[in-house]
């Protein structure tokens, strides 16, 4: 299945929590500020750890933002980091993640989602996320306004481990 198809499924789940698809969605666990979810259909499945921001800037415009680490074993995709900021990203500006002195760039932006192109960078970022306490995602909307989402990393290691275990 394509990234776009899974993105649509994730958006649908995150935004609407529709009862009709809840039978295909298993919430594996809540681990402090993170949770693990498995989505299955007849021939495929995806596992992911996700979190909502604990703080957003600007405060006056709350958005449906999420940070994900996904596993899609049928496509041989593991440790895929993606984000949504609740708006379509501006392609003129960089989307970045920062934790302490470590900074990572999201190279691919498509509609409301962004991904990293380099799996080595994803692995480095996951390593930092396991050790850190907070990560900040900076993006820009279509008007060029900057947003910053602060994510707690409390519970990330357990949520990540549960997602990896359920899709191995």
Protein backbone atom coordinates (compact mmCIF):
# COMPACT_ATOMS: atom_id res chain seq x y z
CA UNK A 1 0.00 0.00 0.00
CA UNK A 2 1.20 3.48 -0.68
CA UNK A 3 2.22 6.09 1.87
CA UNK A 4 -0.66 8.26 0.70
CA UNK A 5 -3.20 5.51 1.40
CA UNK A 6 -1.89 4.98 4.93
CA UNK A 7 -1.78 8.73 5.47
CA UNK A 8 -5.43 8.98 4.52
CA UNK A 9 -6.27 6.14 6.92
CA UNK A 10 -4.30 7.85 9.70
CA UNK A 11 -5.92 11.22 9.04
CA UNK A 12 -9.33 9.60 9.00
CA UNK A 13 -8.66 7.83 12.30
CA UNK A 14 -7.08 10.78 14.04
CA UNK A 15 -9.64 13.33 12.93
CA UNK A 16 -12.90 11.42 13.03
CA UNK A 17 -12.56 8.24 15.15
CA UNK A 18 -15.28 6.72 13.00
CA UNK A 19 -16.98 3.72 14.59
CA UNK A 20 -17.21 1.97 11.21
CA UNK A 21 -13.46 1.46 11.01
CA UNK A 22 -12.84 0.95 14.75
CA UNK A 23 -13.05 -2.83 14.28
CA UNK A 24 -9.85 -2.67 12.24
CA UNK A 25 -8.06 -0.48 14.77
CA UNK A 26 -6.49 -1.92 17.91
CA UNK A 27 -5.19 0.41 20.57
CA UNK A 28 -2.34 -1.64 21.99
CA UNK A 29 -1.55 0.65 24.90
CA UNK A 30 -1.15 4.13 26.31
CA UNK A 31 2.32 4.87 27.63
CA UNK A 32 2.33 8.26 29.40
CA UNK A 33 2.22 10.79 26.50
CA UNK A 34 2.40 8.18 23.71
CA UNK A 35 0.12 5.43 22.45
CA UNK A 36 0.52 2.41 20.20
CA UNK A 37 -2.02 1.51 17.53
CA UNK A 38 -2.31 -1.32 14.99
CA UNK A 39 -4.49 -0.94 11.90
CA UNK A 40 -5.32 -4.16 10.02
CA UNK A 41 -7.22 -5.01 6.88
CA UNK A 42 -7.56 -8.28 4.96
CA UNK A 43 -4.04 -8.36 3.54
CA UNK A 44 -1.97 -5.70 5.25
CA UNK A 45 -1.31 -3.95 8.52
CA UNK A 46 0.51 -0.97 9.98
CA UNK A 47 1.71 -0.40 13.55
CA UNK A 48 2.64 2.97 14.93
CA UNK A 49 3.44 4.94 18.03
CA UNK A 50 1.89 8.41 18.09
CA UNK A 51 1.71 11.46 20.30
CA UNK A 52 -0.06 14.82 20.42
CA UNK A 53 1.84 18.00 21.26
CA UNK A 54 1.89 19.13 24.89
CA UNK A 55 2.37 22.73 23.75
CA UNK A 56 1.68 24.52 20.46
CA UNK A 57 2.77 27.89 19.16
CA UNK A 58 0.93 30.04 18.27
CA UNK A 59 -1.52 29.19 21.06
CA UNK A 60 -4.44 31.05 19.48
CA UNK A 61 -4.81 28.50 16.63
CA UNK A 62 -5.05 24.97 18.07
CA UNK A 63 -4.33 22.32 15.43
CA UNK A 64 -4.63 18.54 15.10
CA UNK A 65 -0.89 17.78 15.15
CA UNK A 66 0.70 14.34 15.59
CA UNK A 67 4.14 12.76 15.58
CA UNK A 68 4.30 9.14 14.38
CA UNK A 69 6.81 6.32 14.16
CA UNK A 70 5.38 3.64 11.86
CA UNK A 71 6.08 0.08 10.80
CA UNK A 72 4.68 -1.44 7.59
CA UNK A 73 6.29 -4.89 7.35
CA UNK A 74 4.59 -5.93 4.10
CA UNK A 75 6.34 -2.98 2.42
CA UNK A 76 9.58 -3.53 4.37
CA UNK A 77 9.23 -0.11 5.99
CA UNK A 78 10.40 0.17 9.58
CA UNK A 79 11.08 3.14 11.86
CA UNK A 80 9.36 5.63 9.54
CA UNK A 81 8.98 9.00 11.22
CA UNK A 82 6.19 11.26 10.01
CA UNK A 83 4.34 14.30 11.25
CA UNK A 84 1.19 16.22 10.60
CA UNK A 85 0.73 19.76 11.84
CA UNK A 86 -2.96 20.09 11.01
CA UNK A 87 -2.39 22.20 7.90
CA UNK A 88 -0.82 21.92 4.45
CA UNK A 89 2.90 22.60 4.67
CA UNK A 90 4.58 25.45 2.82
CA UNK A 91 7.18 23.90 0.49
CA UNK A 92 9.41 27.00 0.54
CA UNK A 93 10.43 26.53 4.18
CA UNK A 94 12.10 23.63 5.97
CA UNK A 95 10.26 21.39 8.40
CA UNK A 96 12.56 20.42 11.27
CA UNK A 97 12.66 18.47 14.50
CA UNK A 98 14.94 19.55 17.33
CA UNK A 99 15.81 17.86 20.61
CA UNK A 100 18.63 19.42 22.58
CA UNK A 101 21.50 20.10 20.17
CA UNK A 102 20.20 17.57 17.65
CA UNK A 103 18.31 18.80 14.58
CA UNK A 104 16.64 16.74 11.84
CA UNK A 105 15.02 17.79 8.58
CA UNK A 106 11.83 16.40 7.06
CA UNK A 107 12.63 16.25 3.34
CA UNK A 108 9.28 15.17 1.93
CA UNK A 109 6.13 17.23 2.44
CA UNK A 110 2.86 16.16 0.90
CA UNK A 111 -0.34 17.96 1.86
CA UNK A 112 -0.64 17.74 5.67
CA UNK A 113 2.18 15.22 6.21
CA UNK A 114 5.97 15.27 6.18
CA UNK A 115 8.57 12.48 6.21
CA UNK A 116 12.31 12.06 6.33
CA UNK A 117 13.95 10.69 3.18
CA UNK A 118 16.96 9.16 4.93
CA UNK A 119 16.32 6.05 7.04
CA UNK A 120 19.70 6.53 8.78
CA UNK A 121 18.52 9.94 10.00
CA UNK A 122 15.27 8.37 11.21
CA UNK A 123 17.22 5.81 13.24
CA UNK A 124 19.37 8.59 14.74
CA UNK A 125 16.29 10.61 15.63
CA UNK A 126 14.63 7.58 17.26
CA UNK A 127 17.76 7.01 19.32
CA UNK A 128 17.62 10.65 20.50
CA UNK A 129 13.87 10.35 21.18
CA UNK A 130 14.51 7.34 23.45
CA UNK A 131 16.99 9.37 25.51
CA UNK A 132 15.31 12.79 25.41
CA UNK A 133 12.45 14.38 27.28
CA UNK A 134 11.04 16.68 24.58
CA UNK A 135 11.21 17.26 20.83
CA UNK A 136 10.05 20.34 18.94
CA UNK A 137 8.69 20.24 15.39
CA UNK A 138 8.86 23.50 13.43
CA UNK A 139 6.82 23.93 10.26
CA UNK A 140 5.33 26.65 8.09
CA UNK A 141 1.80 26.94 6.76
CA UNK A 142 0.81 28.10 3.27
CA UNK A 143 0.89 31.75 4.36
CA UNK A 144 4.48 31.29 5.59
CA UNK A 145 3.62 31.53 9.30
CA UNK A 146 5.77 29.41 11.58
CA UNK A 147 4.31 26.87 13.99
CA UNK A 148 6.14 24.96 16.70
CA UNK A 149 4.75 21.81 18.28
CA UNK A 150 6.40 20.57 21.50
CA UNK A 151 6.09 16.82 22.06
CA UNK A 152 6.83 15.10 25.34
CA UNK A 153 8.94 11.98 24.95
CA UNK A 154 7.66 10.41 28.18
CA UNK A 155 6.48 6.92 27.25
CA UNK A 156 8.02 7.01 23.77
CA UNK A 157 10.40 4.06 24.31
CA UNK A 158 7.58 1.76 25.49
CA UNK A 159 5.16 2.87 22.77
CA UNK A 160 7.86 2.46 20.13
CA UNK A 161 8.74 -1.00 21.47
CA UNK A 162 5.10 -2.10 21.43
CA UNK A 163 4.64 -0.88 17.84
CA UNK A 164 7.82 -2.63 16.70
CA UNK A 165 6.87 -5.87 18.48
CA UNK A 166 3.37 -5.94 16.96
CA UNK A 167 4.72 -5.50 13.43
CA UNK A 168 7.75 -7.79 13.51
